[in-house]
Amino acid sequence: MSLVRICSLAILALSLGLVAPHASAQRASARQPARPAAQRAATPAATPAATPPAAAADAHPGPSASPYARAVQHCIEKLVAHDLDGAEVDAREALHTEPGRPEAHYYLAVALRTKGQGDAALAEYRAAAQMGSAVGEPMWQARGMQGAAEVLESLPGRLGDAREAWSQLLAFAQANAGVMPVELPRAHITAIDRASEQERVYIDVRQRIAAREAELAATAASMAPAHGRGH
């Protein structure tokens, strides 16, 4: 596990009240320089919302952690262990405890998406975004919006909806500097536009080929009787 991932998830665990600050984590975080926004922006093929997060090595729920925080941490640990059914159970347990929080919706979406349940994952990503907005946590709102856009992009026939979702995320990123790099939604919008243009060109070429084949077939059919009479 990379040092950057350990540090970032340790910070996430602290924000949820799962662990107390650890001296080694503080020292590691101090040594690790922040990455520029352009480097943080993932490519369309591999983005944060598409990848199950890894748990910090020492991120274990402390004795004072809430039941919600414990369930979320257990969910994260099971995602890392690829125990998707167990992760789903823990995420739903967390939601039963505090349904108005965004984290459990987000990690439930990760589990469902990894299991191939795209429509169910889409609903949970959208819920995470909605709850993140409701509780004033723009990072979780951005993560939920990103996950929803990625799922839409992977579903058959939803490319137009995916572009709209990425456009909404771009507007959000522009209005919330530092939460989401604008390069990420822009890259997806550009890729979708290129794919759509290629699809239009392909359809146009196929239509022209089909029309030409029909024309040749009609010509051949009209010449067949005259050819027969000539003999």
C-alpha atoms as a PDB file:
ATOM      1  CA  MET A   1       0.000   0.000   0.000  1.00  0.00           C
ATOM      2  CA  SER A   2       1.449   3.413  -0.944  1.00  0.00           C
ATOM      3  CA  LEU A   3       2.316   5.981   1.687  1.00  0.00           C
ATOM      4  CA  VAL A   4      -0.051   8.488   0.080  1.00  0.00           C
ATOM      5  CA  ARG A   5      -3.010   6.083   0.331  1.00  0.00           C
ATOM      6  CA  ILE A   6      -2.214   5.163   3.955  1.00  0.00           C
ATOM      7  CA  CYS A   7      -2.035   8.822   4.963  1.00  0.00           C
ATOM      8  CA  SER A   8      -5.206   9.840   3.130  1.00  0.00           C
ATOM      9  CA  LEU A   9      -7.247   6.993   4.600  1.00  0.00           C
ATOM     10  CA  ALA A  10      -5.872   7.606   8.063  1.00  0.00           C
ATOM     11  CA  ILE A  11      -7.188  11.173   7.734  1.00  0.00           C
ATOM     12  CA  LEU A  12     -10.575   9.769   6.606  1.00  0.00           C
ATOM     13  CA  ALA A  13     -10.656   7.474   9.628  1.00  0.00           C
ATOM     14  CA  LEU A  14      -9.860  10.399  11.927  1.00  0.00           C
ATOM     15  CA  SER A  15     -12.646  12.473  10.388  1.00  0.00           C
ATOM     16  CA  LEU A  16     -15.115   9.692  11.164  1.00  0.00           C
ATOM     17  CA  GLY A  17     -13.859   9.347  14.740  1.00  0.00           C
ATOM     18  CA  LEU A  18     -12.511   5.858  14.131  1.00  0.00           C
ATOM     19  CA  VAL A  19      -9.038   6.362  15.561  1.00  0.00           C
ATOM     20  CA  ALA A  20      -7.063   8.834  17.579  1.00  0.00           C
ATOM     21  CA  PRO A  21      -4.167  10.672  15.893  1.00  0.00           C
ATOM     22  CA  HIS A  22      -1.142   8.429  15.620  1.00  0.00           C
ATOM     23  CA  ALA A  23       2.320   9.944  15.873  1.00  0.00           C
ATOM     24  CA  SER A  24       3.729   7.889  13.018  1.00  0.00           C
ATOM     25  CA  ALA A  25       0.867   8.908  10.738  1.00  0.00           C
ATOM     26  CA  GLN A  26       1.470  12.556  11.616  1.00  0.00           C
ATOM     27  CA  ARG A  27       5.156  12.256  10.801  1.00  0.00           C
ATOM     28  CA  ALA A  28       4.428  10.474   7.524  1.00  0.00           C
ATOM     29  CA  SER A  29       1.872  13.100   6.519  1.00  0.00           C
ATOM     30  CA  ALA A  30       4.368  15.857   7.243  1.00  0.00           C
ATOM     31  CA  ARG A  31       6.989  14.192   5.042  1.00  0.00           C
ATOM     32  CA  GLN A  32       4.619  13.640   2.089  1.00  0.00           C
ATOM     33  CA  PRO A  33       4.232  16.740  -0.155  1.00  0.00           C
ATOM     34  CA  ALA A  34       0.818  17.563  -1.540  1.00  0.00           C
ATOM     35  CA  ARG A  35       0.228  16.550  -5.151  1.00  0.00           C
ATOM     36  CA  PRO A  36      -0.805  19.210  -7.691  1.00  0.00           C
ATOM     37  CA  ALA A  37      -4.379  19.159  -8.931  1.00  0.00           C
ATOM     38  CA  ALA A  38      -3.370  17.994 -12.412  1.00  0.00           C
ATOM     39  CA  GLN A  39      -1.651  14.961 -10.918  1.00  0.00           C
ATOM     40  CA  ARG A  40      -4.615  14.151  -8.682  1.00  0.00           C
ATOM     41  CA  ALA A  41      -6.988  14.163 -11.650  1.00  0.00           C
ATOM     42  CA  ALA A  42      -7.440  10.540 -12.663  1.00  0.00           C
ATOM     43  CA  THR A  43      -7.810   9.330 -16.228  1.00  0.00           C
ATOM     44  CA  PRO A  44     -11.244   8.135 -17.404  1.00  0.00           C
ATOM     45  CA  ALA A  45     -10.047   4.522 -17.184  1.00  0.00           C
ATOM     46  CA  ALA A  46      -9.144   4.643 -13.472  1.00  0.00           C
ATOM     47  CA  THR A  47     -10.780   7.119 -11.126  1.00  0.00           C
ATOM     48  CA  PRO A  48     -11.164   7.236  -7.328  1.00  0.00           C
ATOM     49  CA  ALA A  49     -14.858   6.438  -7.242  1.00  0.00           C
ATOM     50  CA  ALA A  50     -14.322   3.334  -9.372  1.00  0.00           C
ATOM     51  CA  THR A  51     -11.715   1.803  -7.100  1.00  0.00           C
ATOM     52  CA  PRO A  52     -12.558   0.341  -3.668  1.00  0.00           C
ATOM     53  CA  PRO A  53     -10.551   2.297  -1.080  1.00  0.00           C
ATOM     54  CA  ALA A  54      -7.846   0.658   0.999  1.00  0.00           C
ATOM     55  CA  ALA A  55      -8.007   0.948   4.769  1.00  0.00           C
ATOM     56  CA  ALA A  56      -5.169   2.580   6.650  1.00  0.00           C
ATOM     57  CA  ALA A  57      -2.851   0.069   8.281  1.00  0.00           C
ATOM     58  CA  ASP A  58      -3.572   1.309  11.801  1.00  0.00           C
ATOM     59  CA  ALA A  59      -7.138   2.580  11.242  1.00  0.00           C
ATOM     60  CA  HIS A  60      -9.048   0.491  13.764  1.00  0.00           C
ATOM     61  CA  PRO A  61     -12.162   1.805  15.500  1.00  0.00           C
ATOM     62  CA  GLY A  62     -11.324   3.278  18.863  1.00  0.00           C
ATOM     63  CA  PRO A  63     -13.350   2.463  21.984  1.00  0.00           C
ATOM     64  CA  SER A  64     -15.224   5.775  21.750  1.00  0.00           C
ATOM     65  CA  ALA A  65     -16.174   5.373  18.080  1.00  0.00           C
ATOM     66  CA  SER A  66     -19.884   5.477  17.289  1.00  0.00           C
ATOM     67  CA  PRO A  67     -21.692   2.379  15.967  1.00  0.00           C
ATOM     68  CA  TYR A  68     -21.964   4.153  12.627  1.00  0.00           C
ATOM     69  CA  ALA A  69     -18.229   4.827  12.454  1.00  0.00           C
ATOM     70  CA  ARG A  70     -17.425   1.240  13.426  1.00  0.00           C
ATOM     71  CA  ALA A  71     -19.733  -0.170  10.755  1.00  0.00           C
ATOM     72  CA  VAL A  72     -18.250   2.102   8.077  1.00  0.00           C
ATOM     73  CA  GLN A  73     -14.701   1.115   9.040  1.00  0.00           C
ATOM     74  CA  HIS A  74     -15.605  -2.588   8.943  1.00  0.00           C
ATOM     75  CA  CYS A  75     -17.157  -2.014   5.521  1.00  0.00           C
ATOM     76  CA  ILE A  76     -13.931  -0.423   4.258  1.00  0.00           C
ATOM     77  CA  GLU A  77     -11.839  -3.294   5.616  1.00  0.00           C
ATOM     78  CA  LYS A  78     -14.057  -5.844   3.867  1.00  0.00           C
ATOM     79  CA  LEU A  79     -13.883  -3.933   0.595  1.00  0.00           C
ATOM     80  CA  VAL A  80     -10.104  -4.130   0.798  1.00  0.00           C
ATOM     81  CA  ALA A  81     -10.372  -7.875   1.504  1.00  0.00           C
ATOM     82  CA  HIS A  82     -12.787  -8.225  -1.480  1.00  0.00           C
ATOM     83  CA  ASP A  83     -15.507  -9.490   0.854  1.00  0.00           C
ATOM     84  CA  LEU A  84     -18.203  -7.635  -1.065  1.00  0.00           C
ATOM     85  CA  ASP A  85     -21.174  -9.317   0.591  1.00  0.00           C
ATOM     86  CA  GLY A  86     -19.759  -8.553   4.040  1.00  0.00           C
ATOM     87  CA  ALA A  87     -19.039  -4.960   3.010  1.00  0.00           C
ATOM     88  CA  GLU A  88     -22.626  -4.573   1.840  1.00  0.00           C
ATOM     89  CA  VAL A  89     -23.944  -5.894   5.151  1.00  0.00           C
ATOM     90  CA  ASP A  90     -21.781  -3.467   7.149  1.00  0.00           C
ATOM     91  CA  ALA A  91     -22.728  -0.511   4.946  1.00  0.00           C
ATOM     92  CA  ARG A  92     -26.416  -1.268   5.372  1.00  0.00           C
ATOM     93  CA  GLU A  93     -25.907  -1.624   9.127  1.00  0.00           C
ATOM     94  CA  ALA A  94     -24.312   1.830   9.173  1.00  0.00           C
ATOM     95  CA  LEU A  95     -27.220   3.244   7.170  1.00  0.00           C
ATOM     96  CA  HIS A  96     -29.673   1.708   9.618  1.00  0.00           C
ATOM     97  CA  THR A  97     -27.839   3.565  12.400  1.00  0.00           C
ATOM     98  CA  GLU A  98     -27.481   6.926  10.649  1.00  0.00           C
ATOM     99  CA  PRO A  99     -29.292   7.016   7.286  1.00  0.00           C
ATOM    100  CA  GLY A 100     -28.568  10.714   6.794  1.00  0.00           C
ATOM    101  CA  ARG A 101     -24.778  10.329   6.488  1.00  0.00           C
ATOM    102  CA  PRO A 102     -23.065  10.136   3.066  1.00  0.00           C
ATOM    103  CA  GLU A 103     -20.162   7.759   3.806  1.00  0.00           C
ATOM    104  CA  ALA A 104     -22.157   4.542   4.142  1.00  0.00           C
ATOM    105  CA  HIS A 105     -24.133   5.304   0.965  1.00  0.00           C
ATOM    106  CA  TYR A 106     -20.848   5.829  -0.877  1.00  0.00           C
ATOM    107  CA  TYR A 107     -19.173   2.621   0.297  1.00  0.00           C
ATOM    108  CA  LEU A 108     -22.359   0.639  -0.284  1.00  0.00           C
ATOM    109  CA  ALA A 109     -22.296   1.972  -3.848  1.00  0.00           C
ATOM    110  CA  VAL A 110     -18.678   0.818  -4.224  1.00  0.00           C
ATOM    111  CA  ALA A 111     -19.616  -2.688  -3.072  1.00  0.00           C
ATOM    112  CA  LEU A 112     -22.669  -2.887  -5.334  1.00  0.00           C
ATOM    113  CA  ARG A 113     -20.798  -1.542  -8.342  1.00  0.00           C
ATOM    114  CA  THR A 114     -17.978  -4.033  -7.863  1.00  0.00           C
ATOM    115  CA  LYS A 115     -20.591  -6.785  -7.713  1.00  0.00           C
ATOM    116  CA  GLY A 116     -21.925  -5.648 -11.088  1.00  0.00           C
ATOM    117  CA  GLN A 117     -25.150  -4.101  -9.775  1.00  0.00           C
ATOM    118  CA  GLY A 118     -24.892  -0.852 -11.714  1.00  0.00           C
ATOM    119  CA  ASP A 119     -28.412   0.487 -11.231  1.00  0.00           C
ATOM    120  CA  ALA A 120     -28.352  -0.120  -7.466  1.00  0.00           C
ATOM    121  CA  ALA A 121     -24.892   1.454  -7.220  1.00  0.00           C
ATOM    122  CA  LEU A 122     -26.118   4.480  -9.151  1.00  0.00           C
ATOM    123  CA  ALA A 123     -28.896   5.049  -6.622  1.00  0.00           C
ATOM    124  CA  GLU A 124     -26.450   4.861  -3.702  1.00  0.00           C
ATOM    125  CA  TYR A 125     -23.909   7.185  -5.320  1.00  0.00           C
ATOM    126  CA  ARG A 126     -26.689   9.693  -5.884  1.00  0.00           C
ATOM    127  CA  ALA A 127     -27.782   9.292  -2.268  1.00  0.00           C
ATOM    128  CA  ALA A 128     -24.206   9.905  -1.114  1.00  0.00           C
ATOM    129  CA  ALA A 129     -24.082  13.108  -3.163  1.00  0.00           C
ATOM    130  CA  GLN A 130     -27.447  14.244  -1.806  1.00  0.00           C
ATOM    131  CA  MET A 131     -26.504  13.517   1.800  1.00  0.00           C
ATOM    132  CA  GLY A 132     -23.110  15.151   1.368  1.00  0.00           C
ATOM    133  CA  SER A 133     -24.850  18.310   0.218  1.00  0.00           C
ATOM    134  CA  ALA A 134     -27.392  18.106   3.033  1.00  0.00           C
ATOM    135  CA  VAL A 135     -24.787  17.855   5.800  1.00  0.00           C
ATOM    136  CA  GLY A 136     -22.423  20.395   4.244  1.00  0.00           C
ATOM    137  CA  GLU A 137     -19.642  17.998   3.217  1.00  0.00           C
ATOM    138  CA  PRO A 138     -18.735  18.891  -0.380  1.00  0.00           C
ATOM    139  CA  MET A 139     -16.059  16.189  -0.627  1.00  0.00           C
ATOM    140  CA  TRP A 140     -18.669  13.445  -0.235  1.00  0.00           C
ATOM    141  CA  GLN A 141     -21.038  15.288  -2.541  1.00  0.00           C
ATOM    142  CA  ALA A 142     -18.298  15.329  -5.192  1.00  0.00           C
ATOM    143  CA  ARG A 143     -17.475  11.663  -4.662  1.00  0.00           C
ATOM    144  CA  GLY A 144     -21.096  10.673  -4.998  1.00  0.00           C
ATOM    145  CA  MET A 145     -21.537  12.751  -8.144  1.00  0.00           C
ATOM    146  CA  GLN A 146     -18.381  11.271  -9.637  1.00  0.00           C
ATOM    147  CA  GLY A 147     -19.447   7.714  -8.870  1.00  0.00           C
ATOM    148  CA  ALA A 148     -22.878   8.293 -10.411  1.00  0.00           C
ATOM    149  CA  ALA A 149     -21.327   9.729 -13.584  1.00  0.00           C
ATOM    150  CA  GLU A 150     -18.939   6.786 -13.893  1.00  0.00           C
ATOM    151  CA  VAL A 151     -21.741   4.254 -13.477  1.00  0.00           C
ATOM    152  CA  LEU A 152     -23.893   6.014 -16.080  1.00  0.00           C
ATOM    153  CA  GLU A 153     -20.940   5.971 -18.476  1.00  0.00           C
ATOM    154  CA  SER A 154     -20.671   2.194 -18.069  1.00  0.00           C
ATOM    155  CA  LEU A 155     -24.387   1.447 -18.543  1.00  0.00           C
ATOM    156  CA  PRO A 156     -25.656   0.664 -22.063  1.00  0.00           C
ATOM    157  CA  GLY A 157     -27.553   3.512 -23.664  1.00  0.00           C
ATOM    158  CA  ARG A 158     -26.781   6.021 -20.887  1.00  0.00           C
ATOM    159  CA  LEU A 159     -23.910   7.951 -22.489  1.00  0.00           C
ATOM    160  CA  GLY A 160     -26.031  11.090 -22.854  1.00  0.00           C
ATOM    161  CA  ASP A 161     -27.005  10.894 -19.185  1.00  0.00           C
ATOM    162  CA  ALA A 162     -23.356  10.347 -18.283  1.00  0.00           C
ATOM    163  CA  ARG A 163     -22.324  13.488 -20.152  1.00  0.00           C
ATOM    164  CA  GLU A 164     -24.954  15.484 -18.289  1.00  0.00           C
ATOM    165  CA  ALA A 165     -23.731  14.060 -14.969  1.00  0.00           C
ATOM    166  CA  TRP A 166     -20.125  14.975 -15.779  1.00  0.00           C
ATOM    167  CA  SER A 167     -21.252  18.461 -16.819  1.00  0.00           C
ATOM    168  CA  GLN A 168     -22.964  18.895 -13.452  1.00  0.00           C
ATOM    169  CA  LEU A 169     -19.803  17.722 -11.688  1.00  0.00           C
ATOM    170  CA  LEU A 170     -17.737  20.176 -13.743  1.00  0.00           C
ATOM    171  CA  ALA A 171     -20.002  23.029 -12.652  1.00  0.00           C
ATOM    172  CA  PHE A 172     -19.692  21.825  -9.047  1.00  0.00           C
ATOM    173  CA  ALA A 173     -15.886  21.665  -9.303  1.00  0.00           C
ATOM    174  CA  GLN A 174     -15.732  25.166 -10.743  1.00  0.00           C
ATOM    175  CA  ALA A 175     -17.881  26.469  -7.883  1.00  0.00           C
ATOM    176  CA  ASN A 176     -15.977  24.556  -5.179  1.00  0.00           C
ATOM    177  CA  ALA A 177     -12.285  25.100  -5.787  1.00  0.00           C
ATOM    178  CA  GLY A 178     -10.076  22.560  -4.041  1.00  0.00           C
ATOM    179  CA  VAL A 179     -12.769  19.904  -3.675  1.00  0.00           C
ATOM    180  CA  MET A 180     -12.631  18.361  -7.142  1.00  0.00           C
ATOM    181  CA  PRO A 181     -10.114  19.104  -9.925  1.00  0.00           C
ATOM    182  CA  VAL A 182     -11.929  20.388 -12.999  1.00  0.00           C
ATOM    183  CA  GLU A 183      -9.625  18.308 -15.221  1.00  0.00           C
ATOM    184  CA  LEU A 184     -11.431  15.099 -14.266  1.00  0.00           C
ATOM    185  CA  PRO A 185     -14.969  15.913 -15.498  1.00  0.00           C
ATOM    186  CA  ARG A 186     -13.529  17.792 -18.479  1.00  0.00           C
ATOM    187  CA  ALA A 187     -11.556  14.709 -19.552  1.00  0.00           C
ATOM    188  CA  HIS A 188     -14.680  12.548 -19.406  1.00  0.00           C
ATOM    189  CA  ILE A 189     -16.796  15.072 -21.289  1.00  0.00           C
ATOM    190  CA  THR A 190     -14.154  15.283 -24.014  1.00  0.00           C
ATOM    191  CA  ALA A 191     -13.922  11.483 -24.247  1.00  0.00           C
ATOM    192  CA  ILE A 192     -17.710  11.130 -24.477  1.00  0.00           C
ATOM    193  CA  ASP A 193     -17.926  13.811 -27.168  1.00  0.00           C
ATOM    194  CA  ARG A 194     -15.244  12.068 -29.210  1.00  0.00           C
ATOM    195  CA  ALA A 195     -16.931   8.693 -28.824  1.00  0.00           C
ATOM    196  CA  SER A 196     -20.286  10.183 -29.824  1.00  0.00           C
ATOM    197  CA  GLU A 197     -18.779  11.797 -32.909  1.00  0.00           C
ATOM    198  CA  GLN A 198     -17.117   8.531 -33.921  1.00  0.00           C
ATOM    199  CA  GLU A 199     -20.442   6.760 -33.473  1.00  0.00           C
ATOM    200  CA  ARG A 200     -22.196   9.322 -35.691  1.00  0.00           C
ATOM    201  CA  VAL A 201     -19.547   8.914 -38.377  1.00  0.00           C
ATOM    202  CA  TYR A 202     -19.808   5.124 -38.161  1.00  0.00           C
ATOM    203  CA  ILE A 203     -23.601   5.210 -38.490  1.00  0.00           C
ATOM    204  CA  ASP A 204     -23.364   7.585 -41.456  1.00  0.00           C
ATOM    205  CA  VAL A 205     -20.837   5.337 -43.216  1.00  0.00           C
ATOM    206  CA  ARG A 206     -22.938   2.232 -42.559  1.00  0.00           C
ATOM    207  CA  GLN A 207     -26.025   3.973 -43.953  1.00  0.00           C
ATOM    208  CA  ARG A 208     -24.149   4.982 -47.097  1.00  0.00           C
ATOM    209  CA  ILE A 209     -22.837   1.458 -47.547  1.00  0.00           C
ATOM    210  CA  ALA A 210     -26.325   0.011 -47.087  1.00  0.00           C
ATOM    211  CA  ALA A 211     -27.770   2.498 -49.601  1.00  0.00           C
ATOM    212  CA  ARG A 212     -25.076   1.678 -52.139  1.00  0.00           C
ATOM    213  CA  GLU A 213     -25.614  -2.054 -51.679  1.00  0.00           C
ATOM    214  CA  ALA A 214     -29.365  -1.599 -52.196  1.00  0.00           C
ATOM    215  CA  GLU A 215     -28.700   0.461 -55.338  1.00  0.00           C
ATOM    216  CA  LEU A 216     -26.381  -2.193 -56.768  1.00  0.00           C
ATOM    217  CA  ALA A 217     -28.879  -4.937 -55.956  1.00  0.00           C
ATOM    218  CA  ALA A 218     -31.660  -3.003 -57.695  1.00  0.00           C
ATOM    219  CA  THR A 219     -29.470  -2.434 -60.741  1.00  0.00           C
ATOM    220  CA  ALA A 220     -28.545  -6.107 -60.912  1.00  0.00           C
ATOM    221  CA  ALA A 221     -32.196  -7.114 -60.600  1.00  0.00           C
ATOM    222  CA  SER A 222     -33.253  -4.775 -63.411  1.00  0.00           C
ATOM    223  CA  MET A 223     -30.563  -6.083 -65.743  1.00  0.00           C
ATOM    224  CA  ALA A 224     -31.257  -9.773 -65.130  1.00  0.00           C
ATOM    225  CA  PRO A 225     -34.408 -10.097 -67.397  1.00  0.00           C
ATOM    226  CA  ALA A 226     -32.796  -8.167 -70.266  1.00  0.00           C
ATOM    227  CA  HIS A 227     -29.747 -10.394 -70.041  1.00  0.00           C
ATOM    228  CA  GLY A 228     -31.963 -13.474 -70.187  1.00  0.00           C
ATOM    229  CA  ARG A 229     -33.842 -12.248 -73.281  1.00  0.00           C
ATOM    230  CA  GLY A 230     -30.585 -11.520 -75.071  1.00  0.00           C
ATOM    231  CA  HIS A 231     -29.811 -15.228 -74.995  1.00  0.00           C
END
